[in-house]
Amino acid sequence: MPDAGDGHNPARSLGSGVLNSVFYHPKVIRGAKAVLPERAQGMVKRLRQRSQRPAPAFPPDLRADLLRLYREDIQNLEELLDRDLSVWLQGA
């Protein structure tokens, strides 16, 4: 069973908790969009993206286990949606 103890997206977190809370606080984002010109908003967005941690690696053995477990459900969903979801099954 995978460890689901940490309930946040570590790839989205910034190195500093203070920066993280400022950059992602809804009131700060709305206020910045109301006051800053689009060019400055783009600069802030790029700065935020550069400051993010890389996504943690997904263990290949866990992926294979999950694909085995959900293969039939994915195939059923393909039929239900009439859509190709074979990309979900890659690496099985």
PDB file of N, CA and C in Angstrom:
ATOM      1  N   MET A   1       0.850  -1.182   0.000  1.00  0.00           N
ATOM      2  CA  MET A   1       0.000   0.000   0.000  1.00  0.00           C
ATOM      3  C   MET A   1       0.895   1.244   0.000  1.00  0.00           C
ATOM      4  N   PRO A   2       0.652   2.212  -0.910  1.00  0.00           N
ATOM      5  CA  PRO A   2       1.466   3.424  -0.940  1.00  0.00           C
ATOM      6  C   PRO A   2       1.237   4.283   0.300  1.00  0.00           C
ATOM      7  N   ASP A   3       2.270   5.024   0.671  1.00  0.00           N
ATOM      8  CA  ASP A   3       2.169   5.926   1.814  1.00  0.00           C
ATOM      9  C   ASP A   3       1.419   7.180   1.385  1.00  0.00           C
ATOM     10  N   ALA A   4       0.262   7.404   1.982  1.00  0.00           N
ATOM     11  CA  ALA A   4      -0.547   8.580   1.646  1.00  0.00           C
ATOM     12  C   ALA A   4      -0.592   9.538   2.835  1.00  0.00           C
ATOM     13  N   GLY A   5       0.433   9.501   3.668  1.00  0.00           N
ATOM     14  CA  GLY A   5       0.438  10.302   4.880  1.00  0.00           C
ATOM     15  C   GLY A   5       0.546  11.794   4.651  1.00  0.00           C
ATOM     16  N   ASP A   6       1.255  12.201   3.611  1.00  0.00           N
ATOM     17  CA  ASP A   6       1.444  13.626   3.352  1.00  0.00           C
ATOM     18  C   ASP A   6       0.404  14.077   2.342  1.00  0.00           C
ATOM     19  N   GLY A   7      -0.536  14.921   2.759  1.00  0.00           N
ATOM     20  CA  GLY A   7      -1.674  15.272   1.924  1.00  0.00           C
ATOM     21  C   GLY A   7      -1.489  16.477   1.042  1.00  0.00           C
ATOM     22  N   HIS A   8      -0.299  16.759   0.582  1.00  0.00           N
ATOM     23  CA  HIS A   8      -0.118  17.904  -0.300  1.00  0.00           C
ATOM     24  C   HIS A   8       0.671  17.472  -1.526  1.00  0.00           C
ATOM     25  N   ASN A   9       0.736  18.324  -2.515  1.00  0.00           N
ATOM     26  CA  ASN A   9       1.480  18.049  -3.733  1.00  0.00           C
ATOM     27  C   ASN A   9       2.894  18.586  -3.547  1.00  0.00           C
ATOM     28  N   PRO A  10       3.877  17.722  -3.304  1.00  0.00           N
ATOM     29  CA  PRO A  10       5.228  18.204  -3.029  1.00  0.00           C
ATOM     30  C   PRO A  10       5.860  18.905  -4.220  1.00  0.00           C
ATOM     31  N   ALA A  11       5.432  18.615  -5.426  1.00  0.00           N
ATOM     32  CA  ALA A  11       5.995  19.278  -6.594  1.00  0.00           C
ATOM     33  C   ALA A  11       5.541  20.733  -6.664  1.00  0.00           C
ATOM     34  N   ARG A  12       4.407  21.039  -6.071  1.00  0.00           N
ATOM     35  CA  ARG A  12       3.889  22.402  -6.122  1.00  0.00           C
ATOM     36  C   ARG A  12       4.449  23.255  -4.989  1.00  0.00           C
ATOM     37  N   SER A  13       5.005  22.633  -3.984  1.00  0.00           N
ATOM     38  CA  SER A  13       5.512  23.375  -2.835  1.00  0.00           C
ATOM     39  C   SER A  13       6.780  24.127  -3.187  1.00  0.00           C
ATOM     40  N   LEU A  14       6.899  25.301  -2.660  1.00  0.00           N
ATOM     41  CA  LEU A  14       8.123  26.067  -2.799  1.00  0.00           C
ATOM     42  C   LEU A  14       9.025  25.720  -1.631  1.00  0.00           C
ATOM     43  N   GLY A  15      10.292  26.033  -1.756  1.00  0.00           N
ATOM     44  CA  GLY A  15      11.242  25.711  -0.705  1.00  0.00           C
ATOM     45  C   GLY A  15      10.899  26.362   0.622  1.00  0.00           C
ATOM     46  N   SER A  16      10.309  27.521   0.597  1.00  0.00           N
ATOM     47  CA  SER A  16       9.987  28.258   1.811  1.00  0.00           C
ATOM     48  C   SER A  16       8.491  28.197   2.081  1.00  0.00           C
ATOM     49  N   GLY A  17       8.129  27.841   3.295  1.00  0.00           N
ATOM     50  CA  GLY A  17       6.716  27.801   3.668  1.00  0.00           C
ATOM     51  C   GLY A  17       6.057  29.168   3.574  1.00  0.00           C
ATOM     52  N   VAL A  18       6.810  30.215   3.903  1.00  0.00           N
ATOM     53  CA  VAL A  18       6.268  31.576   3.840  1.00  0.00           C
ATOM     54  C   VAL A  18       5.982  31.953   2.382  1.00  0.00           C
ATOM     55  N   LEU A  19       6.954  31.702   1.501  1.00  0.00           N
ATOM     56  CA  LEU A  19       6.739  31.998   0.084  1.00  0.00           C
ATOM     57  C   LEU A  19       5.572  31.195  -0.467  1.00  0.00           C
ATOM     58  N   ASN A  20       5.498  29.944  -0.073  1.00  0.00           N
ATOM     59  CA  ASN A  20       4.418  29.084  -0.543  1.00  0.00           C
ATOM     60  C   ASN A  20       3.058  29.649  -0.142  1.00  0.00           C
ATOM     61  N   SER A  21       2.929  30.056   1.105  1.00  0.00           N
ATOM     62  CA  SER A  21       1.637  30.577   1.565  1.00  0.00           C
ATOM     63  C   SER A  21       1.304  31.906   0.887  1.00  0.00           C
ATOM     64  N   VAL A  22       2.300  32.711   0.571  1.00  0.00           N
ATOM     65  CA  VAL A  22       2.051  33.990  -0.110  1.00  0.00           C
ATOM     66  C   VAL A  22       1.696  33.759  -1.570  1.00  0.00           C
ATOM     67  N   PHE A  23       2.505  32.955  -2.269  1.00  0.00           N
ATOM     68  CA  PHE A  23       2.297  32.746  -3.701  1.00  0.00           C
ATOM     69  C   PHE A  23       0.975  32.064  -4.017  1.00  0.00           C
ATOM     70  N   TYR A  24       0.472  31.231  -3.110  1.00  0.00           N
ATOM     71  CA  TYR A  24      -0.727  30.465  -3.421  1.00  0.00           C
ATOM     72  C   TYR A  24      -1.959  30.891  -2.632  1.00  0.00           C
ATOM     73  N   HIS A  25      -1.883  31.979  -1.896  1.00  0.00           N
ATOM     74  CA  HIS A  25      -3.049  32.447  -1.157  1.00  0.00           C
ATOM     75  C   HIS A  25      -4.014  33.105  -2.144  1.00  0.00           C
ATOM     76  N   PRO A  26      -5.272  32.664  -2.166  1.00  0.00           N
ATOM     77  CA  PRO A  26      -6.229  33.187  -3.160  1.00  0.00           C
ATOM     78  C   PRO A  26      -6.388  34.705  -3.133  1.00  0.00           C
ATOM     79  N   LYS A  27      -6.390  35.308  -1.952  1.00  0.00           N
ATOM     80  CA  LYS A  27      -6.558  36.767  -1.878  1.00  0.00           C
ATOM     81  C   LYS A  27      -5.346  37.480  -2.470  1.00  0.00           C
ATOM     82  N   VAL A  28      -4.157  36.936  -2.245  1.00  0.00           N
ATOM     83  CA  VAL A  28      -2.941  37.534  -2.805  1.00  0.00           C
ATOM     84  C   VAL A  28      -2.972  37.422  -4.329  1.00  0.00           C
ATOM     85  N   ILE A  29      -3.374  36.272  -4.825  1.00  0.00           N
ATOM     86  CA  ILE A  29      -3.439  36.077  -6.277  1.00  0.00           C
ATOM     87  C   ILE A  29      -4.447  37.027  -6.910  1.00  0.00           C
ATOM     88  N   ARG A  30      -5.646  37.119  -6.327  1.00  0.00           N
ATOM     89  CA  ARG A  30      -6.662  38.040  -6.871  1.00  0.00           C
ATOM     90  C   ARG A  30      -6.181  39.495  -6.812  1.00  0.00           C
ATOM     91  N   GLY A  31      -5.576  39.870  -5.689  1.00  0.00           N
ATOM     92  CA  GLY A  31      -5.087  41.239  -5.544  1.00  0.00           C
ATOM     93  C   GLY A  31      -3.994  41.560  -6.548  1.00  0.00           C
ATOM     94  N   ALA A  32      -3.078  40.630  -6.737  1.00  0.00           N
ATOM     95  CA  ALA A  32      -1.981  40.847  -7.688  1.00  0.00           C
ATOM     96  C   ALA A  32      -2.523  40.978  -9.107  1.00  0.00           C
ATOM     97  N   LYS A  33      -3.495  40.161  -9.458  1.00  0.00           N
ATOM     98  CA  LYS A  33      -4.073  40.234 -10.801  1.00  0.00           C
ATOM     99  C   LYS A  33      -4.797  41.558 -11.018  1.00  0.00           C
ATOM    100  N   ALA A  34      -5.386  42.099  -9.954  1.00  0.00           N
ATOM    101  CA  ALA A  34      -6.122  43.358 -10.073  1.00  0.00           C
ATOM    102  C   ALA A  34      -5.178  44.550 -10.203  1.00  0.00           C
ATOM    103  N   VAL A  35      -3.978  44.447  -9.630  1.00  0.00           N
ATOM    104  CA  VAL A  35      -3.081  45.597  -9.562  1.00  0.00           C
ATOM    105  C   VAL A  35      -1.942  45.519 -10.578  1.00  0.00           C
ATOM    106  N   LEU A  36      -1.393  44.348 -10.774  1.00  0.00           N
ATOM    107  CA  LEU A  36      -0.215  44.215 -11.633  1.00  0.00           C
ATOM    108  C   LEU A  36      -0.600  44.120 -13.107  1.00  0.00           C
ATOM    109  N   PRO A  37       0.196  44.733 -13.967  1.00  0.00           N
ATOM    110  CA  PRO A  37      -0.036  44.561 -15.403  1.00  0.00           C
ATOM    111  C   PRO A  37       0.269  43.113 -15.805  1.00  0.00           C
ATOM    112  N   GLU A  38      -0.252  42.692 -16.961  1.00  0.00           N
ATOM    113  CA  GLU A  38      -0.097  41.302 -17.404  1.00  0.00           C
ATOM    114  C   GLU A  38       1.368  40.884 -17.480  1.00  0.00           C
ATOM    115  N   ARG A  39       2.229  41.780 -17.922  1.00  0.00           N
ATOM    116  CA  ARG A  39       3.655  41.439 -18.047  1.00  0.00           C
ATOM    117  C   ARG A  39       4.249  41.093 -16.677  1.00  0.00           C
ATOM    118  N   ALA A  40       3.917  41.878 -15.666  1.00  0.00           N
ATOM    119  CA  ALA A  40       4.415  41.610 -14.319  1.00  0.00           C
ATOM    120  C   ALA A  40       3.809  40.317 -13.764  1.00  0.00           C
ATOM    121  N   GLN A  41       2.543  40.051 -14.077  1.00  0.00           N
ATOM    122  CA  GLN A  41       1.913  38.803 -13.643  1.00  0.00           C
ATOM    123  C   GLN A  41       2.652  37.605 -14.235  1.00  0.00           C
ATOM    124  N   GLY A  42       3.037  37.725 -15.501  1.00  0.00           N
ATOM    125  CA  GLY A  42       3.785  36.653 -16.166  1.00  0.00           C
ATOM    126  C   GLY A  42       5.136  36.428 -15.509  1.00  0.00           C
ATOM    127  N   MET A  43       5.790  37.523 -15.109  1.00  0.00           N
ATOM    128  CA  MET A  43       7.092  37.409 -14.443  1.00  0.00           C
ATOM    129  C   MET A  43       6.946  36.699 -13.096  1.00  0.00           C
ATOM    130  N   VAL A  44       5.910  37.046 -12.350  1.00  0.00           N
ATOM    131  CA  VAL A  44       5.662  36.411 -11.050  1.00  0.00           C
ATOM    132  C   VAL A  44       5.367  34.929 -11.247  1.00  0.00           C
ATOM    133  N   LYS A  45       4.582  34.615 -12.267  1.00  0.00           N
ATOM    134  CA  LYS A  45       4.244  33.216 -12.531  1.00  0.00           C
ATOM    135  C   LYS A  45       5.494  32.407 -12.879  1.00  0.00           C
ATOM    136  N   ARG A  46       6.373  32.973 -13.719  1.00  0.00           N
ATOM    137  CA  ARG A  46       7.613  32.273 -14.073  1.00  0.00           C
ATOM    138  C   ARG A  46       8.515  32.098 -12.858  1.00  0.00           C
ATOM    139  N   LEU A  47       8.584  33.105 -12.000  1.00  0.00           N
ATOM    140  CA  LEU A  47       9.380  33.003 -10.779  1.00  0.00           C
ATOM    141  C   LEU A  47       8.844  31.889  -9.884  1.00  0.00           C
ATOM    142  N   ARG A  48       7.532  31.838  -9.750  1.00  0.00           N
ATOM    143  CA  ARG A  48       6.901  30.799  -8.935  1.00  0.00           C
ATOM    144  C   ARG A  48       7.201  29.416  -9.502  1.00  0.00           C
ATOM    145  N   GLN A  49       7.112  29.276 -10.824  1.00  0.00           N
ATOM    146  CA  GLN A  49       7.357  27.978 -11.456  1.00  0.00           C
ATOM    147  C   GLN A  49       8.809  27.540 -11.296  1.00  0.00           C
ATOM    148  N   ARG A  50       9.742  28.483 -11.385  1.00  0.00           N
ATOM    149  CA  ARG A  50      11.163  28.131 -11.219  1.00  0.00           C
ATOM    150  C   ARG A  50      11.478  27.735  -9.786  1.00  0.00           C
ATOM    151  N   SER A  51      10.708  28.236  -8.844  1.00  0.00           N
ATOM    152  CA  SER A  51      10.961  27.968  -7.440  1.00  0.00           C
ATOM    153  C   SER A  51      10.368  26.649  -6.960  1.00  0.00           C
ATOM    154  N   GLN A  52       9.572  26.007  -7.799  1.00  0.00           N
ATOM    155  CA  GLN A  52       8.929  24.764  -7.387  1.00  0.00           C
ATOM    156  C   GLN A  52       9.925  23.617  -7.353  1.00  0.00           C
ATOM    157  N   ARG A  53       9.683  22.704  -6.447  1.00  0.00           N
ATOM    158  CA  ARG A  53      10.501  21.498  -6.360  1.00  0.00           C
ATOM    159  C   ARG A  53      10.118  20.565  -7.496  1.00  0.00           C
ATOM    160  N   PRO A  54      11.071  19.743  -7.953  1.00  0.00           N
ATOM    161  CA  PRO A  54      10.710  18.765  -8.987  1.00  0.00           C
ATOM    162  C   PRO A  54       9.764  17.714  -8.413  1.00  0.00           C
ATOM    163  N   ALA A  55       8.936  17.167  -9.279  1.00  0.00           N
ATOM    164  CA  ALA A  55       7.999  16.131  -8.842  1.00  0.00           C
ATOM    165  C   ALA A  55       8.769  14.895  -8.388  1.00  0.00           C
ATOM    166  N   PRO A  56       8.314  14.259  -7.323  1.00  0.00           N
ATOM    167  CA  PRO A  56       8.996  13.044  -6.877  1.00  0.00           C
ATOM    168  C   PRO A  56       8.804  11.920  -7.896  1.00  0.00           C
ATOM    169  N   ALA A  57       9.769  11.025  -7.966  1.00  0.00           N
ATOM    170  CA  ALA A  57       9.701   9.905  -8.902  1.00  0.00           C
ATOM    171  C   ALA A  57       8.608   8.927  -8.474  1.00  0.00           C
ATOM    172  N   PHE A  58       7.882   8.427  -9.457  1.00  0.00           N
ATOM    173  CA  PHE A  58       6.839   7.440  -9.190  1.00  0.00           C
ATOM    174  C   PHE A  58       7.471   6.064  -9.342  1.00  0.00           C
ATOM    175  N   PRO A  59       7.444   5.240  -8.305  1.00  0.00           N
ATOM    176  CA  PRO A  59       8.118   3.932  -8.371  1.00  0.00           C
ATOM    177  C   PRO A  59       7.524   3.047  -9.477  1.00  0.00           C
ATOM    178  N   PRO A  60       8.368   2.532 -10.382  1.00  0.00           N
ATOM    179  CA  PRO A  60       7.879   1.707 -11.498  1.00  0.00           C
ATOM    180  C   PRO A  60       7.124   0.463 -11.028  1.00  0.00           C
ATOM    181  N   ASP A  61       7.549  -0.143  -9.928  1.00  0.00           N
ATOM    182  CA  ASP A  61       6.863  -1.345  -9.457  1.00  0.00           C
ATOM    183  C   ASP A  61       5.449  -1.008  -8.963  1.00  0.00           C
ATOM    184  N   LEU A  62       5.287   0.154  -8.351  1.00  0.00           N
ATOM    185  CA  LEU A  62       3.960   0.585  -7.909  1.00  0.00           C
ATOM    186  C   LEU A  62       3.071   0.866  -9.117  1.00  0.00           C
ATOM    187  N   ARG A  63       3.641   1.520 -10.137  1.00  0.00           N
ATOM    188  CA  ARG A  63       2.876   1.792 -11.358  1.00  0.00           C
ATOM    189  C   ARG A  63       2.399   0.488 -11.990  1.00  0.00           C
ATOM    190  N   ALA A  64       3.283  -0.507 -12.082  1.00  0.00           N
ATOM    191  CA  ALA A  64       2.914  -1.797 -12.670  1.00  0.00           C
ATOM    192  C   ALA A  64       1.799  -2.462 -11.858  1.00  0.00           C
ATOM    193  N   ASP A  65       1.892  -2.392 -10.531  1.00  0.00           N
ATOM    194  CA  ASP A  65       0.846  -2.965  -9.678  1.00  0.00           C
ATOM    195  C   ASP A  65      -0.497  -2.275  -9.910  1.00  0.00           C
ATOM    196  N   LEU A  66      -0.471  -0.965  -9.994  1.00  0.00           N
ATOM    197  CA  LEU A  66      -1.708  -0.208 -10.204  1.00  0.00           C
ATOM    198  C   LEU A  66      -2.316  -0.493 -11.578  1.00  0.00           C
ATOM    199  N   LEU A  67      -1.451  -0.616 -12.588  1.00  0.00           N
ATOM    200  CA  LEU A  67      -1.954  -0.932 -13.925  1.00  0.00           C
ATOM    201  C   LEU A  67      -2.600  -2.316 -13.955  1.00  0.00           C
ATOM    202  N   ARG A  68      -1.991  -3.275 -13.280  1.00  0.00           N
ATOM    203  CA  ARG A  68      -2.600  -4.609 -13.208  1.00  0.00           C
ATOM    204  C   ARG A  68      -3.957  -4.543 -12.514  1.00  0.00           C
ATOM    205  N   LEU A  69      -4.011  -3.773 -11.452  1.00  0.00           N
ATOM    206  CA  LEU A  69      -5.235  -3.663 -10.669  1.00  0.00           C
ATOM    207  C   LEU A  69      -6.365  -2.968 -11.438  1.00  0.00           C
ATOM    208  N   TYR A  70      -6.026  -1.927 -12.194  1.00  0.00           N
ATOM    209  CA  TYR A  70      -7.059  -1.096 -12.833  1.00  0.00           C
ATOM    210  C   TYR A  70      -7.192  -1.294 -14.340  1.00  0.00           C
ATOM    211  N   ARG A  71      -6.449  -2.230 -14.938  1.00  0.00           N
ATOM    212  CA  ARG A  71      -6.496  -2.436 -16.394  1.00  0.00           C
ATOM    213  C   ARG A  71      -7.936  -2.647 -16.889  1.00  0.00           C
ATOM    214  N   GLU A  72      -8.654  -3.550 -16.269  1.00  0.00           N
ATOM    215  CA  GLU A  72     -10.018  -3.854 -16.716  1.00  0.00           C
ATOM    216  C   GLU A  72     -10.930  -2.625 -16.571  1.00  0.00           C
ATOM    217  N   ASP A  73     -10.778  -1.884 -15.480  1.00  0.00           N
ATOM    218  CA  ASP A  73     -11.587  -0.672 -15.285  1.00  0.00           C
ATOM    219  C   ASP A  73     -11.286   0.369 -16.364  1.00  0.00           C
ATOM    220  N   ILE A  74     -10.023   0.502 -16.731  1.00  0.00           N
ATOM    221  CA  ILE A  74      -9.641   1.464 -17.772  1.00  0.00           C
ATOM    222  C   ILE A  74     -10.238   1.046 -19.100  1.00  0.00           C
ATOM    223  N   GLN A  75     -10.199  -0.249 -19.400  1.00  0.00           N
ATOM    224  CA  GLN A  75     -10.783  -0.738 -20.646  1.00  0.00           C
ATOM    225  C   GLN A  75     -12.297  -0.548 -20.661  1.00  0.00           C
ATOM    226  N   ASN A  76     -12.940  -0.764 -19.527  1.00  0.00           N
ATOM    227  CA  ASN A  76     -14.387  -0.524 -19.446  1.00  0.00           C
ATOM    228  C   ASN A  76     -14.710   0.953 -19.635  1.00  0.00           C
ATOM    229  N   LEU A  77     -13.888   1.805 -19.063  1.00  0.00           N
ATOM    230  CA  LEU A  77     -14.092   3.249 -19.215  1.00  0.00           C
ATOM    231  C   LEU A  77     -13.913   3.670 -20.671  1.00  0.00           C
ATOM    232  N   GLU A  78     -12.937   3.067 -21.352  1.00  0.00           N
ATOM    233  CA  GLU A  78     -12.761   3.343 -22.784  1.00  0.00           C
ATOM    234  C   GLU A  78     -14.047   3.069 -23.559  1.00  0.00           C
ATOM    235  N   GLU A  79     -14.650   1.935 -23.283  1.00  0.00           N
ATOM    236  CA  GLU A  79     -15.890   1.577 -23.977  1.00  0.00           C
ATOM    237  C   GLU A  79     -17.019   2.538 -23.620  1.00  0.00           C
ATOM    238  N   LEU A  80     -17.125   2.849 -22.345  1.00  0.00           N
ATOM    239  CA  LEU A  80     -18.182   3.743 -21.881  1.00  0.00           C
ATOM    240  C   LEU A  80     -18.074   5.126 -22.517  1.00  0.00           C
ATOM    241  N   LEU A  81     -16.863   5.633 -22.600  1.00  0.00           N
ATOM    242  CA  LEU A  81     -16.635   6.977 -23.152  1.00  0.00           C
ATOM    243  C   LEU A  81     -16.459   6.971 -24.666  1.00  0.00           C
ATOM    244  N   ASP A  82     -16.261   5.777 -25.233  1.00  0.00           N
ATOM    245  CA  ASP A  82     -15.935   5.653 -26.652  1.00  0.00           C
ATOM    246  C   ASP A  82     -14.720   6.520 -26.984  1.00  0.00           C
ATOM    247  N   ARG A  83     -13.687   6.321 -26.166  1.00  0.00           N
ATOM    248  CA  ARG A  83     -12.472   7.125 -26.282  1.00  0.00           C
ATOM    249  C   ARG A  83     -11.254   6.246 -26.018  1.00  0.00           C
ATOM    250  N   ASP A  84     -10.176   6.491 -26.741  1.00  0.00           N
ATOM    251  CA  ASP A  84      -8.949   5.712 -26.591  1.00  0.00           C
ATOM    252  C   ASP A  84      -8.173   6.187 -25.363  1.00  0.00           C
ATOM    253  N   LEU A  85      -8.017   5.305 -24.389  1.00  0.00           N
ATOM    254  CA  LEU A  85      -7.260   5.608 -23.177  1.00  0.00           C
ATOM    255  C   LEU A  85      -6.017   4.724 -23.081  1.00  0.00           C
ATOM    256  N   SER A  86      -5.541   4.224 -24.216  1.00  0.00           N
ATOM    257  CA  SER A  86      -4.407   3.303 -24.217  1.00  0.00           C
ATOM    258  C   SER A  86      -3.142   3.944 -23.625  1.00  0.00           C
ATOM    259  N   VAL A  87      -3.045   5.254 -23.681  1.00  0.00           N
ATOM    260  CA  VAL A  87      -1.878   5.924 -23.104  1.00  0.00           C
ATOM    261  C   VAL A  87      -1.811   5.668 -21.591  1.00  0.00           C
ATOM    262  N   TRP A  88      -2.948   5.439 -20.964  1.00  0.00           N
ATOM    263  CA  TRP A  88      -2.974   5.137 -19.538  1.00  0.00           C
ATOM    264  C   TRP A  88      -2.365   3.768 -19.242  1.00  0.00           C
ATOM    265  N   LEU A  89      -2.378   2.902 -20.254  1.00  0.00           N
ATOM    266  CA  LEU A  89      -1.897   1.537 -20.057  1.00  0.00           C
ATOM    267  C   LEU A  89      -0.450   1.351 -20.496  1.00  0.00           C
ATOM    268  N   GLN A  90       0.186   2.385 -20.951  1.00  0.00           N
ATOM    269  CA  GLN A  90       1.578   2.272 -21.398  1.00  0.00           C
ATOM    270  C   GLN A  90       2.477   1.967 -20.207  1.00  0.00           C
ATOM    271  N   GLY A  91       3.485   1.165 -20.472  1.00  0.00           N
ATOM    272  CA  GLY A  91       4.433   0.810 -19.425  1.00  0.00           C
ATOM    273  C   GLY A  91       3.950  -0.324 -18.565  1.00  0.00           C
ATOM    274  N   ALA A  92       2.886  -0.999 -18.994  1.00  0.00           N
ATOM    275  CA  ALA A  92       2.335  -2.103 -18.186  1.00  0.00           C
ATOM    276  C   ALA A  92       3.195  -3.340 -18.306  1.00  0.00           C
TER     277      ALA A  92
END
